[in-house]
């Protein structure tokens, strides 16, 4: 499963922090770093369109 989707589900309250960590296969201590990572908050397709050279 895509990390962005798991983090989005956590932010929406669909899963709790323990479930989020378990799905991602990481320690609970690492969750706050991932949740606050701006790279994981933006959909990759949106990121590409913002940086498109062709407009």
PDB file of N, CA and C in Angstrom:
ATOM      1  N   UNK A   1       0.845  -1.185   0.000  1.00  0.00           N
ATOM      2  CA  UNK A   1       0.000   0.000   0.000  1.00  0.00           C
ATOM      3  C   UNK A   1       0.888   1.245   0.000  1.00  0.00           C
ATOM      4  N   UNK A   2       0.436   2.266  -0.660  1.00  0.00           N
ATOM      5  CA  UNK A   2       1.165   3.521  -0.783  1.00  0.00           C
ATOM      6  C   UNK A   2       1.229   4.241   0.569  1.00  0.00           C
ATOM      7  N   UNK A   3       2.416   4.691   0.946  1.00  0.00           N
ATOM      8  CA  UNK A   3       2.585   5.392   2.223  1.00  0.00           C
ATOM      9  C   UNK A   3       1.687   6.604   2.329  1.00  0.00           C
ATOM     10  N   UNK A   4       1.519   7.329   1.228  1.00  0.00           N
ATOM     11  CA  UNK A   4       0.676   8.527   1.252  1.00  0.00           C
ATOM     12  C   UNK A   4      -0.758   8.181   1.613  1.00  0.00           C
ATOM     13  N   UNK A   5      -1.249   7.055   1.115  1.00  0.00           N
ATOM     14  CA  UNK A   5      -2.619   6.643   1.408  1.00  0.00           C
ATOM     15  C   UNK A   5      -2.782   6.256   2.873  1.00  0.00           C
ATOM     16  N   UNK A   6      -1.793   5.577   3.413  1.00  0.00           N
ATOM     17  CA  UNK A   6      -1.848   5.180   4.821  1.00  0.00           C
ATOM     18  C   UNK A   6      -1.817   6.420   5.715  1.00  0.00           C
ATOM     19  N   UNK A   7      -0.934   7.347   5.406  1.00  0.00           N
ATOM     20  CA  UNK A   7      -0.832   8.570   6.208  1.00  0.00           C
ATOM     21  C   UNK A   7      -2.105   9.401   6.075  1.00  0.00           C
ATOM     22  N   UNK A   8      -2.673   9.452   4.896  1.00  0.00           N
ATOM     23  CA  UNK A   8      -3.934  10.181   4.699  1.00  0.00           C
ATOM     24  C   UNK A   8      -5.050   9.542   5.523  1.00  0.00           C
ATOM     25  N   UNK A   9      -5.099   8.226   5.567  1.00  0.00           N
ATOM     26  CA  UNK A   9      -6.108   7.530   6.370  1.00  0.00           C
ATOM     27  C   UNK A   9      -5.919   7.847   7.849  1.00  0.00           C
ATOM     28  N   UNK A  10      -4.678   7.914   8.296  1.00  0.00           N
ATOM     29  CA  UNK A  10      -4.397   8.275   9.687  1.00  0.00           C
ATOM     30  C   UNK A  10      -4.861   9.698   9.977  1.00  0.00           C
ATOM     31  N   UNK A  11      -4.558  10.625   9.081  1.00  0.00           N
ATOM     32  CA  UNK A  11      -4.953  12.025   9.275  1.00  0.00           C
ATOM     33  C   UNK A  11      -6.464  12.189   9.295  1.00  0.00           C
ATOM     34  N   UNK A  12      -7.169  11.381   8.514  1.00  0.00           N
ATOM     35  CA  UNK A  12      -8.631  11.451   8.485  1.00  0.00           C
ATOM     36  C   UNK A  12      -9.274  10.742   9.667  1.00  0.00           C
ATOM     37  N   UNK A  13      -8.460  10.054  10.466  1.00  0.00           N
ATOM     38  CA  UNK A  13      -8.983   9.364  11.639  1.00  0.00           C
ATOM     39  C   UNK A  13      -9.536   7.980  11.337  1.00  0.00           C
ATOM     40  N   UNK A  14      -9.229   7.463  10.173  1.00  0.00           N
ATOM     41  CA  UNK A  14      -9.731   6.148   9.796  1.00  0.00           C
ATOM     42  C   UNK A  14      -8.953   5.029  10.483  1.00  0.00           C
ATOM     43  N   UNK A  15      -7.685   5.294  10.803  1.00  0.00           N
ATOM     44  CA  UNK A  15      -6.857   4.342  11.542  1.00  0.00           C
ATOM     45  C   UNK A  15      -6.115   5.106  12.635  1.00  0.00           C
ATOM     46  N   UNK A  16      -5.695   4.389  13.669  1.00  0.00           N
ATOM     47  CA  UNK A  16      -4.957   5.055  14.740  1.00  0.00           C
ATOM     48  C   UNK A  16      -3.451   4.954  14.485  1.00  0.00           C
ATOM     49  N   UNK A  17      -2.676   5.577  15.345  1.00  0.00           N
ATOM     50  CA  UNK A  17      -1.224   5.654  15.132  1.00  0.00           C
ATOM     51  C   UNK A  17      -0.571   4.274  15.154  1.00  0.00           C
ATOM     52  N   UNK A  18      -1.056   3.390  16.018  1.00  0.00           N
ATOM     53  CA  UNK A  18      -0.484   2.041  16.067  1.00  0.00           C
ATOM     54  C   UNK A  18      -0.755   1.289  14.773  1.00  0.00           C
ATOM     55  N   UNK A  19      -1.970   1.415  14.255  1.00  0.00           N
ATOM     56  CA  UNK A  19      -2.308   0.750  13.001  1.00  0.00           C
ATOM     57  C   UNK A  19      -1.492   1.318  11.845  1.00  0.00           C
ATOM     58  N   UNK A  20      -1.318   2.621  11.847  1.00  0.00           N
ATOM     59  CA  UNK A  20      -0.523   3.278  10.817  1.00  0.00           C
ATOM     60  C   UNK A  20       0.899   2.734  10.815  1.00  0.00           C
ATOM     61  N   UNK A  21       1.501   2.666  11.985  1.00  0.00           N
ATOM     62  CA  UNK A  21       2.866   2.157  12.098  1.00  0.00           C
ATOM     63  C   UNK A  21       2.943   0.698  11.666  1.00  0.00           C
ATOM     64  N   UNK A  22       1.944  -0.080  12.042  1.00  0.00           N
ATOM     65  CA  UNK A  22       1.952  -1.498  11.689  1.00  0.00           C
ATOM     66  C   UNK A  22       1.829  -1.687  10.177  1.00  0.00           C
ATOM     67  N   UNK A  23       0.949  -0.948   9.532  1.00  0.00           N
ATOM     68  CA  UNK A  23       0.771  -1.066   8.087  1.00  0.00           C
ATOM     69  C   UNK A  23       2.052  -0.674   7.354  1.00  0.00           C
ATOM     70  N   UNK A  24       2.691   0.402   7.836  1.00  0.00           N
ATOM     71  CA  UNK A  24       3.914   0.876   7.195  1.00  0.00           C
ATOM     72  C   UNK A  24       5.135   0.039   7.567  1.00  0.00           C
ATOM     73  N   UNK A  25       5.000  -0.748   8.625  1.00  0.00           N
ATOM     74  CA  UNK A  25       6.106  -1.591   9.059  1.00  0.00           C
ATOM     75  C   UNK A  25       7.221  -0.806   9.718  1.00  0.00           C
ATOM     76  N   UNK A  26       6.851   0.240  10.462  1.00  0.00           N
ATOM     77  CA  UNK A  26       7.842   1.066  11.142  1.00  0.00           C
ATOM     78  C   UNK A  26       7.504   1.190  12.615  1.00  0.00           C
ATOM     79  N   UNK A  27       8.442   1.730  13.368  1.00  0.00           N
ATOM     80  CA  UNK A  27       8.272   1.961  14.792  1.00  0.00           C
ATOM     81  C   UNK A  27       7.392   3.190  15.015  1.00  0.00           C
ATOM     82  N   UNK A  28       6.613   3.189  16.069  1.00  0.00           N
ATOM     83  CA  UNK A  28       5.730   4.324  16.368  1.00  0.00           C
ATOM     84  C   UNK A  28       6.528   5.623  16.494  1.00  0.00           C
ATOM     85  N   UNK A  29       7.742   5.545  16.956  1.00  0.00           N
ATOM     86  CA  UNK A  29       8.576   6.739  17.077  1.00  0.00           C
ATOM     87  C   UNK A  29       8.873   7.411  15.749  1.00  0.00           C
ATOM     88  N   UNK A  30       8.785   6.671  14.657  1.00  0.00           N
ATOM     89  CA  UNK A  30       9.052   7.222  13.329  1.00  0.00           C
ATOM     90  C   UNK A  30       7.814   7.840  12.681  1.00  0.00           C
ATOM     91  N   UNK A  31       6.653   7.581  13.238  1.00  0.00           N
ATOM     92  CA  UNK A  31       5.405   8.059  12.638  1.00  0.00           C
ATOM     93  C   UNK A  31       5.361   9.582  12.547  1.00  0.00           C
ATOM     94  N   UNK A  32       5.734  10.273  13.599  1.00  0.00           N
ATOM     95  CA  UNK A  32       5.635  11.737  13.579  1.00  0.00           C
ATOM     96  C   UNK A  32       6.489  12.337  12.474  1.00  0.00           C
ATOM     97  N   UNK A  33       7.632  11.753  12.225  1.00  0.00           N
ATOM     98  CA  UNK A  33       8.495  12.249  11.146  1.00  0.00           C
ATOM     99  C   UNK A  33       7.829  12.042   9.790  1.00  0.00           C
ATOM    100  N   UNK A  34       7.212  10.897   9.585  1.00  0.00           N
ATOM    101  CA  UNK A  34       6.539  10.631   8.313  1.00  0.00           C
ATOM    102  C   UNK A  34       5.297  11.498   8.136  1.00  0.00           C
ATOM    103  N   UNK A  35       4.530  11.658   9.196  1.00  0.00           N
ATOM    104  CA  UNK A  35       3.302  12.440   9.110  1.00  0.00           C
ATOM    105  C   UNK A  35       3.613  13.898   8.808  1.00  0.00           C
ATOM    106  N   UNK A  36       4.728  14.394   9.290  1.00  0.00           N
ATOM    107  CA  UNK A  36       5.098  15.790   9.062  1.00  0.00           C
ATOM    108  C   UNK A  36       5.950  15.995   7.811  1.00  0.00           C
ATOM    109  N   UNK A  37       6.225  14.935   7.076  1.00  0.00           N
ATOM    110  CA  UNK A  37       7.049  15.040   5.871  1.00  0.00           C
ATOM    111  C   UNK A  37       6.233  15.655   4.737  1.00  0.00           C
ATOM    112  N   UNK A  38       6.605  16.852   4.264  1.00  0.00           N
ATOM    113  CA  UNK A  38       5.822  17.500   3.212  1.00  0.00           C
ATOM    114  C   UNK A  38       5.837  16.727   1.899  1.00  0.00           C
ATOM    115  N   UNK A  39       6.849  15.918   1.667  1.00  0.00           N
ATOM    116  CA  UNK A  39       6.925  15.114   0.446  1.00  0.00           C
ATOM    117  C   UNK A  39       5.799  14.083   0.388  1.00  0.00           C
ATOM    118  N   UNK A  40       5.381  13.584   1.555  1.00  0.00           N
ATOM    119  CA  UNK A  40       4.345  12.559   1.597  1.00  0.00           C
ATOM    120  C   UNK A  40       2.941  13.129   1.681  1.00  0.00           C
ATOM    121  N   UNK A  41       2.802  14.443   1.751  1.00  0.00           N
ATOM    122  CA  UNK A  41       1.472  15.033   1.863  1.00  0.00           C
ATOM    123  C   UNK A  41       0.892  15.423   0.511  1.00  0.00           C
ATOM    124  N   UNK A  42       1.721  15.520  -0.514  1.00  0.00           N
ATOM    125  CA  UNK A  42       1.272  15.964  -1.825  1.00  0.00           C
ATOM    126  C   UNK A  42       1.195  14.774  -2.766  1.00  0.00           C
ATOM    127  N   UNK A  43       0.105  14.702  -3.515  1.00  0.00           N
ATOM    128  CA  UNK A  43      -0.058  13.663  -4.515  1.00  0.00           C
ATOM    129  C   UNK A  43       1.010  13.839  -5.593  1.00  0.00           C
ATOM    130  N   UNK A  44       1.724  12.795  -5.976  1.00  0.00           N
ATOM    131  CA  UNK A  44       2.807  12.935  -6.946  1.00  0.00           C
ATOM    132  C   UNK A  44       2.354  13.539  -8.274  1.00  0.00           C
ATOM    133  N   UNK A  45       1.142  13.269  -8.703  1.00  0.00           N
ATOM    134  CA  UNK A  45       0.651  13.843  -9.956  1.00  0.00           C
ATOM    135  C   UNK A  45       0.506  15.353  -9.835  1.00  0.00           C
ATOM    136  N   UNK A  46       0.059  15.839  -8.682  1.00  0.00           N
ATOM    137  CA  UNK A  46      -0.061  17.283  -8.474  1.00  0.00           C
ATOM    138  C   UNK A  46       1.314  17.923  -8.432  1.00  0.00           C
ATOM    139  N   UNK A  47       2.275  17.241  -7.816  1.00  0.00           N
ATOM    140  CA  UNK A  47       3.626  17.765  -7.716  1.00  0.00           C
ATOM    141  C   UNK A  47       4.231  17.933  -9.106  1.00  0.00           C
ATOM    142  N   UNK A  48       4.005  16.978  -9.993  1.00  0.00           N
ATOM    143  CA  UNK A  48       4.542  17.049 -11.351  1.00  0.00           C
ATOM    144  C   UNK A  48       3.925  18.199 -12.131  1.00  0.00           C
ATOM    145  N   UNK A  49       2.630  18.434 -11.973  1.00  0.00           N
ATOM    146  CA  UNK A  49       1.984  19.492 -12.732  1.00  0.00           C
ATOM    147  C   UNK A  49       2.432  20.865 -12.279  1.00  0.00           C
ATOM    148  N   UNK A  50       2.773  21.023 -11.014  1.00  0.00           N
ATOM    149  CA  UNK A  50       3.251  22.308 -10.500  1.00  0.00           C
ATOM    150  C   UNK A  50       4.626  22.631 -11.041  1.00  0.00           C
ATOM    151  N   UNK A  51       5.439  21.619 -11.300  1.00  0.00           N
ATOM    152  CA  UNK A  51       6.807  21.838 -11.750  1.00  0.00           C
ATOM    153  C   UNK A  51       6.976  21.610 -13.245  1.00  0.00           C
ATOM    154  N   UNK A  52       5.871  21.539 -13.954  1.00  0.00           N
ATOM    155  CA  UNK A  52       5.940  21.295 -15.378  1.00  0.00           C
ATOM    156  C   UNK A  52       6.556  22.472 -16.112  1.00  0.00           C
ATOM    157  N   UNK A  53       7.481  22.199 -16.997  1.00  0.00           N
ATOM    158  CA  UNK A  53       8.162  23.246 -17.754  1.00  0.00           C
ATOM    159  C   UNK A  53       7.264  23.740 -18.887  1.00  0.00           C
ATOM    160  N   UNK A  54       6.447  22.838 -19.397  1.00  0.00           N
ATOM    161  CA  UNK A  54       5.623  23.193 -20.548  1.00  0.00           C
ATOM    162  C   UNK A  54       4.344  23.940 -20.185  1.00  0.00           C
ATOM    163  N   UNK A  55       4.116  24.146 -18.907  1.00  0.00           N
ATOM    164  CA  UNK A  55       3.001  24.956 -18.492  1.00  0.00           C
ATOM    165  C   UNK A  55       1.811  24.218 -18.142  1.00  0.00           C
TER     166      UNK A  55
END
